[in-house]
Amino acid sequence: MQVYTGVSFDNLRKAIYLIFFGADPLYDKNGNIIKDKNGNEIYQCNDFKYPKYRYIVPMQGNFDNPLEQENPEEFAKNTFVEYWIDRDTSLTQDDYTEDNEGEAVNRQKCIATVLLRFIGKDAETWAKSFRHLTKRQGIGEIFAGVCNAEKLEYTMPLVPRRINFFGKNSQIAFDVRFKLYYDECIRTNWLPLKGINFKVEGHIYVDNNKEE
């Protein structure tokens, strides 16, 4: 298994990519899916270097500005998704187990609150689409496969905000929050604490003939 499975900033970014862009395979000039040297099909969702990932960025000011490209006017016609993990809470005590390969794994049940902010041309439509994700085919498989998670059915209210659009003109952004219930697993190199031995060596003598 991977060193870490669960909700993380990288895993969440990939899940958002799959929701809005799909697996998005790479094709050659003949329309065939490109394969690696092992014969596996190559998909853009597996590499953050591919162009469409510039539309899905963490909510931080010093991250790559997608508008600072060769054709910023063209990018301004598109829709961007900023994302952030507001809170990541443990619901259970961590538990030691072993995977199918005999590797040590620590796991626990968690719940993450995720904020998505939509900016640009179709921002309001994309934001409102999150109210309808529970019945959309494939959403469960995406969150389960990428984040080892399940999206809880309730989606928090959509909140319009007036923001500075990547340092450009003021724009309306649309915030949506939702929660992911997930199984967090971390592969470890250590064994769990087996307990402490409180056995005390020695003898205790009691004198029953002693008067009060």
N, C-alpha and C. Protein backbone atom coordinates (compact mmCIF):
# COMPACT_ATOMS: atom_id res chain seq x y z
N MET A 1 0.83 -1.19 0.00
CA MET A 1 0.00 0.00 0.00
C MET A 1 0.87 1.25 0.00
N GLN A 2 0.27 2.41 -0.25
CA GLN A 2 1.01 3.66 -0.21
C GLN A 2 1.42 3.98 1.22
N VAL A 3 2.39 4.90 1.35
CA VAL A 3 2.81 5.32 2.69
C VAL A 3 1.65 5.98 3.42
N TYR A 4 0.81 6.76 2.68
CA TYR A 4 -0.33 7.43 3.29
C TYR A 4 -1.55 7.29 2.40
N THR A 5 -2.68 6.95 3.00
CA THR A 5 -3.96 7.00 2.30
C THR A 5 -4.95 7.76 3.19
N GLY A 6 -5.74 8.62 2.56
CA GLY A 6 -6.68 9.44 3.29
C GLY A 6 -6.84 10.78 2.60
N VAL A 7 -7.37 11.76 3.32
CA VAL A 7 -7.57 13.10 2.78
C VAL A 7 -6.32 13.93 3.03
N SER A 8 -5.71 14.41 1.97
CA SER A 8 -4.57 15.32 2.04
C SER A 8 -4.76 16.38 0.95
N PHE A 9 -3.93 17.41 0.95
CA PHE A 9 -4.07 18.46 -0.05
C PHE A 9 -3.83 17.91 -1.46
N ASP A 10 -2.85 17.05 -1.61
CA ASP A 10 -2.58 16.48 -2.93
C ASP A 10 -3.70 15.55 -3.39
N ASN A 11 -4.16 14.67 -2.50
CA ASN A 11 -5.23 13.74 -2.86
C ASN A 11 -6.53 14.49 -3.18
N LEU A 12 -6.81 15.52 -2.40
CA LEU A 12 -8.02 16.31 -2.64
C LEU A 12 -7.95 17.01 -3.99
N ARG A 13 -6.79 17.53 -4.33
CA ARG A 13 -6.63 18.20 -5.63
C ARG A 13 -6.90 17.24 -6.78
N LYS A 14 -6.40 16.02 -6.67
CA LYS A 14 -6.63 15.03 -7.71
C LYS A 14 -8.11 14.67 -7.81
N ALA A 15 -8.78 14.52 -6.66
CA ALA A 15 -10.21 14.17 -6.66
C ALA A 15 -11.03 15.27 -7.34
N ILE A 16 -10.72 16.54 -7.05
CA ILE A 16 -11.43 17.65 -7.69
C ILE A 16 -11.20 17.64 -9.19
N TYR A 17 -9.97 17.34 -9.60
CA TYR A 17 -9.66 17.25 -11.03
C TYR A 17 -10.54 16.19 -11.69
N LEU A 18 -10.64 15.02 -11.09
CA LEU A 18 -11.43 13.94 -11.67
C LEU A 18 -12.91 14.29 -11.75
N ILE A 19 -13.42 15.02 -10.76
CA ILE A 19 -14.84 15.40 -10.77
C ILE A 19 -15.16 16.32 -11.95
N PHE A 20 -14.28 17.28 -12.22
CA PHE A 20 -14.58 18.28 -13.24
C PHE A 20 -13.97 17.99 -14.61
N PHE A 21 -12.89 17.23 -14.66
CA PHE A 21 -12.22 16.98 -15.94
C PHE A 21 -12.18 15.51 -16.32
N GLY A 22 -12.50 14.63 -15.40
CA GLY A 22 -12.43 13.20 -15.70
C GLY A 22 -10.99 12.69 -15.69
N ALA A 23 -10.81 11.44 -16.07
CA ALA A 23 -9.48 10.84 -16.05
C ALA A 23 -8.55 11.50 -17.06
N ASP A 24 -9.12 11.97 -18.18
CA ASP A 24 -8.38 12.78 -19.13
C ASP A 24 -7.09 12.11 -19.62
N PRO A 25 -7.19 11.04 -20.42
CA PRO A 25 -5.98 10.35 -20.89
C PRO A 25 -5.20 11.18 -21.89
N LEU A 26 -3.94 10.82 -22.05
CA LEU A 26 -3.09 11.46 -23.06
C LEU A 26 -3.20 10.70 -24.37
N TYR A 27 -3.41 11.42 -25.46
CA TYR A 27 -3.54 10.79 -26.78
C TYR A 27 -2.38 11.21 -27.68
N ASP A 28 -2.02 10.31 -28.60
CA ASP A 28 -1.04 10.67 -29.61
C ASP A 28 -1.76 11.30 -30.80
N LYS A 29 -1.03 11.65 -31.84
CA LYS A 29 -1.62 12.35 -32.98
C LYS A 29 -2.59 11.49 -33.77
N ASN A 30 -2.57 10.16 -33.53
CA ASN A 30 -3.49 9.24 -34.21
C ASN A 30 -4.74 8.95 -33.38
N GLY A 31 -4.83 9.59 -32.21
CA GLY A 31 -6.00 9.39 -31.36
C GLY A 31 -5.92 8.20 -30.45
N ASN A 32 -4.74 7.61 -30.30
CA ASN A 32 -4.56 6.47 -29.41
C ASN A 32 -4.03 6.93 -28.05
N ILE A 33 -4.48 6.25 -26.99
CA ILE A 33 -4.00 6.59 -25.65
C ILE A 33 -2.52 6.22 -25.53
N ILE A 34 -1.73 7.17 -25.06
CA ILE A 34 -0.30 6.94 -24.90
C ILE A 34 -0.06 6.03 -23.69
N LYS A 35 0.88 5.10 -23.83
CA LYS A 35 1.20 4.16 -22.75
C LYS A 35 2.66 4.32 -22.34
N ASP A 36 2.95 3.96 -21.08
CA ASP A 36 4.33 4.03 -20.61
C ASP A 36 5.08 2.76 -21.04
N LYS A 37 6.33 2.64 -20.62
CA LYS A 37 7.16 1.53 -21.05
C LYS A 37 6.67 0.18 -20.54
N ASN A 38 5.80 0.21 -19.51
CA ASN A 38 5.25 -1.03 -18.97
C ASN A 38 3.88 -1.38 -19.57
N GLY A 39 3.44 -0.56 -20.52
CA GLY A 39 2.16 -0.82 -21.17
C GLY A 39 0.96 -0.24 -20.47
N ASN A 40 1.18 0.57 -19.43
CA ASN A 40 0.07 1.18 -18.70
C ASN A 40 -0.34 2.49 -19.36
N GLU A 41 -1.63 2.71 -19.47
CA GLU A 41 -2.14 3.94 -20.07
C GLU A 41 -1.80 5.15 -19.18
N ILE A 42 -1.45 6.27 -19.82
CA ILE A 42 -1.05 7.47 -19.10
C ILE A 42 -2.23 8.43 -19.03
N TYR A 43 -2.54 8.88 -17.81
CA TYR A 43 -3.65 9.81 -17.61
C TYR A 43 -3.12 11.11 -17.00
N GLN A 44 -3.65 12.23 -17.45
CA GLN A 44 -3.18 13.52 -16.98
C GLN A 44 -3.47 13.74 -15.50
N CYS A 45 -4.50 13.10 -14.98
CA CYS A 45 -4.86 13.32 -13.58
C CYS A 45 -3.77 12.84 -12.63
N ASN A 46 -2.84 12.03 -13.10
CA ASN A 46 -1.81 11.47 -12.22
C ASN A 46 -0.56 12.33 -12.14
N ASP A 47 -0.55 13.48 -12.78
CA ASP A 47 0.65 14.32 -12.77
C ASP A 47 0.24 15.78 -12.70
N PHE A 48 0.63 16.46 -11.62
CA PHE A 48 0.24 17.85 -11.41
C PHE A 48 0.86 18.79 -12.45
N LYS A 49 1.78 18.31 -13.26
CA LYS A 49 2.41 19.16 -14.28
C LYS A 49 1.50 19.43 -15.47
N TYR A 50 0.43 18.63 -15.63
CA TYR A 50 -0.40 18.78 -16.82
C TYR A 50 -1.25 20.06 -16.74
N PRO A 51 -1.54 20.67 -17.89
CA PRO A 51 -2.08 22.04 -17.93
C PRO A 51 -3.34 22.28 -17.12
N LYS A 52 -4.28 21.35 -17.10
CA LYS A 52 -5.56 21.63 -16.46
C LYS A 52 -5.44 21.76 -14.94
N TYR A 53 -4.34 21.28 -14.36
CA TYR A 53 -4.18 21.43 -12.92
C TYR A 53 -3.98 22.90 -12.52
N ARG A 54 -3.67 23.77 -13.48
CA ARG A 54 -3.52 25.18 -13.15
C ARG A 54 -4.86 25.80 -12.78
N TYR A 55 -5.97 25.11 -13.09
CA TYR A 55 -7.29 25.60 -12.75
C TYR A 55 -7.73 25.15 -11.35
N ILE A 56 -6.95 24.31 -10.71
CA ILE A 56 -7.28 23.79 -9.38
C ILE A 56 -6.09 24.06 -8.47
N VAL A 57 -6.21 25.05 -7.59
CA VAL A 57 -5.06 25.48 -6.80
C VAL A 57 -5.44 25.63 -5.33
N PRO A 58 -4.48 25.41 -4.42
CA PRO A 58 -4.76 25.65 -2.99
C PRO A 58 -5.08 27.11 -2.75
N MET A 59 -5.82 27.39 -1.71
CA MET A 59 -6.23 28.75 -1.40
C MET A 59 -5.11 29.45 -0.62
N GLN A 60 -4.07 29.84 -1.33
CA GLN A 60 -2.97 30.56 -0.71
C GLN A 60 -2.39 31.54 -1.73
N GLY A 61 -2.04 32.73 -1.25
CA GLY A 61 -1.66 33.80 -2.15
C GLY A 61 -0.36 33.58 -2.89
N ASN A 62 0.55 32.76 -2.31
CA ASN A 62 1.86 32.61 -2.94
C ASN A 62 1.93 31.38 -3.84
N PHE A 63 0.79 30.74 -4.11
CA PHE A 63 0.80 29.61 -5.04
C PHE A 63 0.84 30.17 -6.47
N ASP A 64 1.10 29.30 -7.44
CA ASP A 64 1.18 29.75 -8.84
C ASP A 64 -0.08 30.51 -9.23
N ASN A 65 0.09 31.69 -9.77
CA ASN A 65 -1.03 32.48 -10.27
C ASN A 65 -1.35 32.01 -11.69
N PRO A 66 -2.51 31.39 -11.92
CA PRO A 66 -2.81 30.85 -13.25
C PRO A 66 -2.97 31.91 -14.32
N LEU A 67 -3.15 33.17 -13.90
CA LEU A 67 -3.32 34.23 -14.89
C LEU A 67 -1.98 34.78 -15.39
N GLU A 68 -0.90 34.47 -14.69
CA GLU A 68 0.40 34.97 -15.10
C GLU A 68 1.02 34.00 -16.11
N GLN A 69 0.39 33.90 -17.23
CA GLN A 69 0.84 33.02 -18.29
C GLN A 69 1.04 33.87 -19.55
N GLU A 70 1.31 33.21 -20.67
CA GLU A 70 1.55 33.95 -21.90
C GLU A 70 0.29 34.67 -22.40
N ASN A 71 -0.89 34.07 -22.14
CA ASN A 71 -2.14 34.67 -22.60
C ASN A 71 -3.11 34.82 -21.43
N PRO A 72 -2.87 35.78 -20.53
CA PRO A 72 -3.72 35.92 -19.35
C PRO A 72 -5.17 36.21 -19.69
N GLU A 73 -5.42 36.91 -20.80
CA GLU A 73 -6.81 37.22 -21.17
C GLU A 73 -7.59 35.94 -21.47
N GLU A 74 -6.92 34.97 -22.05
CA GLU A 74 -7.57 33.69 -22.37
C GLU A 74 -7.91 32.93 -21.09
N PHE A 75 -6.99 32.96 -20.12
CA PHE A 75 -7.23 32.26 -18.86
C PHE A 75 -8.38 32.91 -18.09
N ALA A 76 -8.54 34.23 -18.23
CA ALA A 76 -9.58 34.93 -17.49
C ALA A 76 -10.98 34.52 -17.94
N LYS A 77 -11.08 33.86 -19.09
CA LYS A 77 -12.38 33.40 -19.58
C LYS A 77 -12.77 32.05 -19.01
N ASN A 78 -11.92 31.46 -18.19
CA ASN A 78 -12.16 30.12 -17.65
C ASN A 78 -12.61 30.17 -16.20
N THR A 79 -12.80 28.99 -15.63
CA THR A 79 -13.24 28.87 -14.25
C THR A 79 -12.14 28.20 -13.43
N PHE A 80 -11.89 28.74 -12.23
CA PHE A 80 -10.85 28.22 -11.36
C PHE A 80 -11.48 27.73 -10.06
N VAL A 81 -10.84 26.72 -9.46
CA VAL A 81 -11.29 26.18 -8.19
C VAL A 81 -10.15 26.30 -7.19
N GLU A 82 -10.37 27.08 -6.14
CA GLU A 82 -9.44 27.09 -5.02
C GLU A 82 -9.98 26.13 -3.97
N TYR A 83 -9.09 25.48 -3.23
CA TYR A 83 -9.55 24.52 -2.23
C TYR A 83 -8.72 24.64 -0.96
N TRP A 84 -9.33 24.23 0.15
CA TRP A 84 -8.65 24.27 1.44
C TRP A 84 -9.30 23.25 2.38
N ILE A 85 -8.49 22.64 3.23
CA ILE A 85 -9.02 21.75 4.27
C ILE A 85 -9.14 22.60 5.53
N ASP A 86 -10.38 22.96 5.89
CA ASP A 86 -10.61 23.83 7.05
C ASP A 86 -10.27 23.14 8.36
N ARG A 87 -10.66 21.88 8.45
CA ARG A 87 -10.47 21.14 9.71
C ARG A 87 -10.36 19.66 9.41
N ASP A 88 -9.49 18.99 10.15
CA ASP A 88 -9.28 17.55 9.97
C ASP A 88 -9.29 16.91 11.36
N THR A 89 -10.37 16.21 11.68
CA THR A 89 -10.60 15.75 13.04
C THR A 89 -10.55 14.23 13.15
N SER A 90 -9.85 13.73 14.17
CA SER A 90 -9.83 12.30 14.45
C SER A 90 -11.10 11.92 15.20
N LEU A 91 -11.76 10.86 14.77
CA LEU A 91 -12.97 10.39 15.44
C LEU A 91 -12.71 9.20 16.35
N THR A 92 -11.65 8.47 16.09
CA THR A 92 -11.33 7.27 16.86
C THR A 92 -9.87 7.28 17.26
N GLN A 93 -9.54 6.47 18.25
CA GLN A 93 -8.14 6.26 18.62
C GLN A 93 -7.43 5.51 17.50
N ASP A 94 -6.17 5.86 17.25
CA ASP A 94 -5.44 5.15 16.21
C ASP A 94 -5.27 3.68 16.57
N ASP A 95 -5.25 2.84 15.56
CA ASP A 95 -5.25 1.39 15.76
C ASP A 95 -4.16 0.76 14.88
N TYR A 96 -3.42 -0.17 15.44
CA TYR A 96 -2.35 -0.84 14.71
C TYR A 96 -2.88 -2.08 14.00
N THR A 97 -2.47 -2.25 12.75
CA THR A 97 -2.81 -3.47 12.02
C THR A 97 -1.70 -3.75 11.02
N GLU A 98 -1.88 -4.78 10.20
CA GLU A 98 -0.91 -5.10 9.15
C GLU A 98 -1.66 -5.30 7.85
N ASP A 99 -1.04 -4.83 6.73
CA ASP A 99 -1.68 -4.99 5.44
C ASP A 99 -1.42 -6.39 4.88
N ASN A 100 -1.86 -6.61 3.65
CA ASN A 100 -1.72 -7.94 3.03
C ASN A 100 -0.27 -8.35 2.82
N GLU A 101 0.64 -7.37 2.82
CA GLU A 101 2.06 -7.66 2.63
C GLU A 101 2.79 -7.79 3.96
N GLY A 102 2.04 -7.71 5.05
CA GLY A 102 2.65 -7.84 6.37
C GLY A 102 3.30 -6.56 6.87
N GLU A 103 3.04 -5.43 6.18
CA GLU A 103 3.61 -4.15 6.59
C GLU A 103 2.77 -3.53 7.72
N ALA A 104 3.47 -2.89 8.66
CA ALA A 104 2.78 -2.25 9.76
C ALA A 104 2.00 -1.03 9.29
N VAL A 105 0.76 -0.93 9.72
CA VAL A 105 -0.11 0.19 9.32
C VAL A 105 -0.84 0.72 10.55
N ASN A 106 -0.82 2.02 10.73
CA ASN A 106 -1.62 2.66 11.76
C ASN A 106 -2.80 3.33 11.08
N ARG A 107 -3.99 3.19 11.64
CA ARG A 107 -5.18 3.76 11.00
C ARG A 107 -6.14 4.32 12.03
N GLN A 108 -6.96 5.24 11.57
CA GLN A 108 -8.02 5.79 12.40
C GLN A 108 -9.09 6.41 11.52
N LYS A 109 -10.29 6.55 12.07
CA LYS A 109 -11.39 7.18 11.36
C LYS A 109 -11.33 8.69 11.59
N CYS A 110 -11.51 9.45 10.52
CA CYS A 110 -11.41 10.91 10.60
C CYS A 110 -12.53 11.55 9.79
N ILE A 111 -12.71 12.84 10.00
CA ILE A 111 -13.64 13.61 9.19
C ILE A 111 -12.99 14.95 8.86
N ALA A 112 -13.00 15.31 7.57
CA ALA A 112 -12.36 16.54 7.11
C ALA A 112 -13.43 17.48 6.56
N THR A 113 -13.34 18.75 6.94
CA THR A 113 -14.22 19.78 6.39
C THR A 113 -13.47 20.50 5.28
N VAL A 114 -14.03 20.48 4.07
CA VAL A 114 -13.35 20.99 2.88
C VAL A 114 -14.06 22.24 2.37
N LEU A 115 -13.27 23.26 2.05
CA LEU A 115 -13.80 24.49 1.44
C LEU A 115 -13.36 24.54 -0.02
N LEU A 116 -14.32 24.73 -0.91
CA LEU A 116 -14.05 24.98 -2.32
C LEU A 116 -14.52 26.38 -2.67
N ARG A 117 -13.69 27.12 -3.40
CA ARG A 117 -14.05 28.46 -3.85
C ARG A 117 -13.97 28.49 -5.37
N PHE A 118 -15.08 28.81 -6.02
CA PHE A 118 -15.16 28.84 -7.48
C PHE A 118 -15.09 30.28 -7.96
N ILE A 119 -14.22 30.53 -8.94
CA ILE A 119 -14.00 31.87 -9.45
C ILE A 119 -13.99 31.82 -10.97
N GLY A 120 -14.63 32.79 -11.62
CA GLY A 120 -14.52 32.87 -13.07
C GLY A 120 -15.83 32.66 -13.80
N LYS A 121 -15.70 32.28 -15.05
CA LYS A 121 -16.81 32.27 -16.01
C LYS A 121 -18.02 31.45 -15.54
N ASP A 122 -17.81 30.20 -15.14
CA ASP A 122 -18.92 29.31 -14.75
C ASP A 122 -18.90 29.01 -13.25
N ALA A 123 -18.39 29.96 -12.46
CA ALA A 123 -18.20 29.71 -11.04
C ALA A 123 -19.49 29.34 -10.31
N GLU A 124 -20.55 30.11 -10.55
CA GLU A 124 -21.80 29.86 -9.83
C GLU A 124 -22.39 28.51 -10.20
N THR A 125 -22.34 28.16 -11.47
CA THR A 125 -22.87 26.86 -11.92
C THR A 125 -22.08 25.71 -11.31
N TRP A 126 -20.76 25.81 -11.32
CA TRP A 126 -19.92 24.74 -10.74
C TRP A 126 -20.18 24.61 -9.24
N ALA A 127 -20.31 25.74 -8.57
CA ALA A 127 -20.54 25.70 -7.12
C ALA A 127 -21.88 25.04 -6.80
N LYS A 128 -22.92 25.41 -7.55
CA LYS A 128 -24.24 24.83 -7.28
C LYS A 128 -24.31 23.35 -7.63
N SER A 129 -23.41 22.91 -8.51
CA SER A 129 -23.42 21.49 -8.87
C SER A 129 -23.09 20.61 -7.68
N PHE A 130 -22.41 21.16 -6.67
CA PHE A 130 -22.06 20.35 -5.51
C PHE A 130 -23.29 19.97 -4.68
N ARG A 131 -24.41 20.64 -4.88
CA ARG A 131 -25.63 20.25 -4.19
C ARG A 131 -26.20 18.95 -4.78
N HIS A 132 -25.72 18.57 -5.93
CA HIS A 132 -26.30 17.43 -6.65
C HIS A 132 -25.31 16.27 -6.80
N LEU A 133 -24.21 16.31 -6.06
CA LEU A 133 -23.17 15.29 -6.24
C LEU A 133 -23.54 13.94 -5.64
N THR A 134 -24.43 13.93 -4.65
CA THR A 134 -24.71 12.67 -3.96
C THR A 134 -25.32 11.63 -4.89
N LYS A 135 -26.01 12.07 -5.93
CA LYS A 135 -26.66 11.13 -6.85
C LYS A 135 -25.89 10.97 -8.16
N ARG A 136 -24.77 11.68 -8.28
CA ARG A 136 -24.02 11.59 -9.52
C ARG A 136 -23.18 10.32 -9.56
N GLN A 137 -23.30 9.58 -10.62
CA GLN A 137 -22.57 8.33 -10.75
C GLN A 137 -21.06 8.60 -10.81
N GLY A 138 -20.32 7.84 -10.05
CA GLY A 138 -18.87 7.95 -10.08
C GLY A 138 -18.26 8.77 -8.97
N ILE A 139 -19.06 9.64 -8.31
CA ILE A 139 -18.50 10.49 -7.26
C ILE A 139 -18.00 9.65 -6.09
N GLY A 140 -18.80 8.66 -5.69
CA GLY A 140 -18.38 7.79 -4.60
C GLY A 140 -17.08 7.08 -4.90
N GLU A 141 -16.93 6.62 -6.15
CA GLU A 141 -15.71 5.91 -6.54
C GLU A 141 -14.51 6.85 -6.54
N ILE A 142 -14.70 8.10 -6.93
CA ILE A 142 -13.59 9.05 -6.95
C ILE A 142 -13.07 9.31 -5.55
N PHE A 143 -13.96 9.67 -4.61
CA PHE A 143 -13.51 9.97 -3.26
C PHE A 143 -12.97 8.72 -2.56
N ALA A 144 -13.58 7.57 -2.83
CA ALA A 144 -13.09 6.34 -2.21
C ALA A 144 -11.73 5.95 -2.76
N GLY A 145 -11.57 6.06 -4.08
CA GLY A 145 -10.32 5.63 -4.70
C GLY A 145 -9.16 6.56 -4.46
N VAL A 146 -9.41 7.86 -4.41
CA VAL A 146 -8.33 8.84 -4.28
C VAL A 146 -8.07 9.22 -2.82
N CYS A 147 -9.15 9.40 -2.04
CA CYS A 147 -9.01 9.90 -0.67
C CYS A 147 -9.37 8.87 0.39
N ASN A 148 -9.71 7.65 -0.03
CA ASN A 148 -10.14 6.62 0.92
C ASN A 148 -11.30 7.16 1.76
N ALA A 149 -12.21 7.89 1.10
CA ALA A 149 -13.21 8.67 1.81
C ALA A 149 -14.61 8.50 1.23
N GLU A 150 -15.57 8.97 2.01
CA GLU A 150 -16.97 9.04 1.58
C GLU A 150 -17.47 10.46 1.82
N LYS A 151 -18.05 11.08 0.79
CA LYS A 151 -18.61 12.42 0.98
C LYS A 151 -19.93 12.32 1.72
N LEU A 152 -20.05 13.05 2.82
CA LEU A 152 -21.32 13.08 3.54
C LEU A 152 -22.35 13.83 2.71
N GLU A 153 -23.60 13.41 2.80
CA GLU A 153 -24.62 13.92 1.88
C GLU A 153 -24.88 15.41 2.03
N TYR A 154 -24.79 15.93 3.25
CA TYR A 154 -25.14 17.35 3.44
C TYR A 154 -24.03 18.25 2.91
N THR A 155 -24.39 19.19 2.05
CA THR A 155 -23.48 20.22 1.56
C THR A 155 -23.91 21.55 2.18
N MET A 156 -22.96 22.27 2.78
CA MET A 156 -23.28 23.51 3.47
C MET A 156 -23.72 24.58 2.48
N PRO A 157 -24.37 25.65 2.99
CA PRO A 157 -24.91 26.69 2.09
C PRO A 157 -23.84 27.32 1.20
N LEU A 158 -24.26 27.67 0.00
CA LEU A 158 -23.39 28.37 -0.94
C LEU A 158 -23.29 29.83 -0.52
N VAL A 159 -22.05 30.35 -0.41
CA VAL A 159 -21.84 31.71 0.08
C VAL A 159 -21.13 32.54 -0.99
N PRO A 160 -21.81 33.51 -1.62
CA PRO A 160 -21.14 34.41 -2.57
C PRO A 160 -20.23 35.39 -1.82
N ARG A 161 -19.05 35.67 -2.41
CA ARG A 161 -18.10 36.60 -1.80
C ARG A 161 -17.53 37.51 -2.88
N ARG A 162 -17.23 38.74 -2.48
CA ARG A 162 -16.54 39.67 -3.38
C ARG A 162 -15.05 39.57 -3.07
N ILE A 163 -14.25 39.16 -4.04
CA ILE A 163 -12.83 38.92 -3.79
C ILE A 163 -11.98 39.60 -4.87
N ASN A 164 -10.68 39.64 -4.60
CA ASN A 164 -9.71 40.10 -5.58
C ASN A 164 -9.32 38.89 -6.41
N PHE A 165 -9.56 38.93 -7.72
CA PHE A 165 -9.40 37.78 -8.61
C PHE A 165 -7.94 37.63 -9.03
N PHE A 166 -7.15 36.90 -8.20
CA PHE A 166 -5.74 36.66 -8.50
C PHE A 166 -4.99 37.96 -8.80
N GLY A 167 -5.28 39.00 -8.02
CA GLY A 167 -4.59 40.26 -8.21
C GLY A 167 -5.16 41.11 -9.33
N LYS A 168 -6.23 40.66 -9.96
CA LYS A 168 -6.87 41.41 -11.05
C LYS A 168 -8.10 42.13 -10.51
N ASN A 169 -9.13 42.27 -11.32
CA ASN A 169 -10.32 42.99 -10.92
C ASN A 169 -11.10 42.23 -9.85
N SER A 170 -11.88 42.99 -9.07
CA SER A 170 -12.76 42.39 -8.07
C SER A 170 -13.79 41.51 -8.77
N GLN A 171 -14.02 40.31 -8.21
CA GLN A 171 -14.94 39.35 -8.81
C GLN A 171 -15.83 38.75 -7.74
N ILE A 172 -16.91 38.10 -8.18
CA ILE A 172 -17.76 37.33 -7.27
C ILE A 172 -17.24 35.90 -7.25
N ALA A 173 -16.96 35.40 -6.06
CA ALA A 173 -16.58 34.00 -5.89
C ALA A 173 -17.68 33.30 -5.11
N PHE A 174 -17.73 31.99 -5.23
CA PHE A 174 -18.79 31.21 -4.58
C PHE A 174 -18.13 30.11 -3.75
N ASP A 175 -18.36 30.17 -2.43
CA ASP A 175 -17.77 29.21 -1.50
C ASP A 175 -18.74 28.09 -1.18
N VAL A 176 -18.24 26.88 -1.15
CA VAL A 176 -19.03 25.71 -0.77
C VAL A 176 -18.19 24.87 0.18
N ARG A 177 -18.82 24.42 1.26
CA ARG A 177 -18.14 23.53 2.20
C ARG A 177 -18.87 22.19 2.26
N PHE A 178 -18.09 21.13 2.42
CA PHE A 178 -18.67 19.80 2.60
C PHE A 178 -17.71 18.97 3.45
N LYS A 179 -18.16 17.79 3.86
CA LYS A 179 -17.34 16.97 4.75
C LYS A 179 -17.05 15.61 4.13
N LEU A 180 -15.85 15.13 4.39
CA LEU A 180 -15.43 13.79 3.95
C LEU A 180 -15.13 12.94 5.17
N TYR A 181 -15.82 11.81 5.24
CA TYR A 181 -15.57 10.81 6.29
C TYR A 181 -14.59 9.80 5.71
N TYR A 182 -13.43 9.62 6.36
CA TYR A 182 -12.42 8.78 5.72
C TYR A 182 -11.63 7.94 6.71
N ASP A 183 -10.99 6.93 6.14
CA ASP A 183 -10.14 6.02 6.88
C ASP A 183 -8.69 6.41 6.61
N GLU A 184 -8.03 6.96 7.60
CA GLU A 184 -6.64 7.40 7.44
C GLU A 184 -5.69 6.26 7.80
N CYS A 185 -4.82 5.93 6.86
CA CYS A 185 -3.86 4.84 7.08
C CYS A 185 -2.45 5.35 6.79
N ILE A 186 -1.54 5.10 7.71
CA ILE A 186 -0.14 5.48 7.56
C ILE A 186 0.72 4.24 7.78
N ARG A 187 1.56 3.93 6.80
CA ARG A 187 2.46 2.80 6.96
C ARG A 187 3.61 3.22 7.87
N THR A 188 3.86 2.45 8.88
CA THR A 188 4.89 2.78 9.87
C THR A 188 5.98 1.71 9.88
N ASN A 189 7.09 2.05 10.52
CA ASN A 189 8.20 1.10 10.63
C ASN A 189 8.38 0.60 12.05
N TRP A 190 7.39 0.84 12.88
CA TRP A 190 7.54 0.46 14.27
C TRP A 190 6.39 -0.42 14.73
N LEU A 191 6.61 -1.13 15.83
CA LEU A 191 5.60 -2.00 16.41
C LEU A 191 4.89 -1.25 17.54
N PRO A 192 3.63 -1.60 17.81
CA PRO A 192 2.89 -0.90 18.86
C PRO A 192 3.41 -1.25 20.25
N LEU A 193 3.15 -0.36 21.21
CA LEU A 193 3.49 -0.62 22.59
C LEU A 193 2.68 -1.81 23.09
N LYS A 194 3.34 -2.80 23.63
CA LYS A 194 2.65 -4.02 24.06
C LYS A 194 2.21 -3.98 25.51
N GLY A 195 2.60 -2.96 26.26
CA GLY A 195 2.20 -2.87 27.65
C GLY A 195 3.41 -2.71 28.56
N ILE A 196 3.16 -2.40 29.79
CA ILE A 196 4.22 -2.19 30.77
C ILE A 196 4.10 -3.23 31.85
N ASN A 197 5.22 -3.84 32.22
CA ASN A 197 5.25 -4.85 33.27
C ASN A 197 5.41 -4.16 34.62
N PHE A 198 4.37 -4.29 35.46
CA PHE A 198 4.42 -3.66 36.78
C PHE A 198 4.81 -4.66 37.88
N LYS A 199 5.37 -5.79 37.50
CA LYS A 199 5.77 -6.79 38.48
C LYS A 199 6.92 -6.24 39.34
N VAL A 200 6.76 -6.34 40.66
CA VAL A 200 7.76 -5.84 41.60
C VAL A 200 8.45 -7.03 42.27
N GLU A 201 9.77 -7.09 42.17
CA GLU A 201 10.53 -8.15 42.81
C GLU A 201 10.70 -7.87 44.31
N GLY A 202 10.65 -8.93 45.14
CA GLY A 202 10.87 -8.76 46.58
C GLY A 202 9.77 -9.44 47.38
N HIS A 203 9.78 -9.20 48.72
CA HIS A 203 8.82 -9.82 49.63
C HIS A 203 8.21 -8.77 50.53
N ILE A 204 6.99 -9.03 50.98
CA ILE A 204 6.30 -8.17 51.94
C ILE A 204 5.99 -9.00 53.16
N TYR A 205 6.44 -8.52 54.34
CA TYR A 205 6.21 -9.24 55.59
C TYR A 205 5.15 -8.52 56.40
N VAL A 206 4.21 -9.30 56.95
CA VAL A 206 3.15 -8.75 57.78
C VAL A 206 3.22 -9.37 59.15
N ASP A 207 3.33 -8.50 60.17
CA ASP A 207 3.40 -8.97 61.56
C ASP A 207 2.01 -8.88 62.17
N ASN A 208 1.31 -10.04 62.25
CA ASN A 208 -0.07 -10.05 62.79
C ASN A 208 -0.13 -9.97 64.30
N ASN A 209 1.03 -10.09 64.97
CA ASN A 209 1.02 -10.07 66.44
C ASN A 209 1.29 -8.69 67.01
N LYS A 210 1.53 -7.72 66.12
CA LYS A 210 1.82 -6.38 66.60
C LYS A 210 0.57 -5.74 67.22
N GLU A 211 0.72 -5.18 68.46
CA GLU A 211 -0.41 -4.56 69.15
C GLU A 211 -0.56 -3.11 68.68
N GLU A 212 -1.82 -2.66 68.70
CA GLU A 212 -2.11 -1.27 68.33
C GLU A 212 -1.62 -0.36 69.44
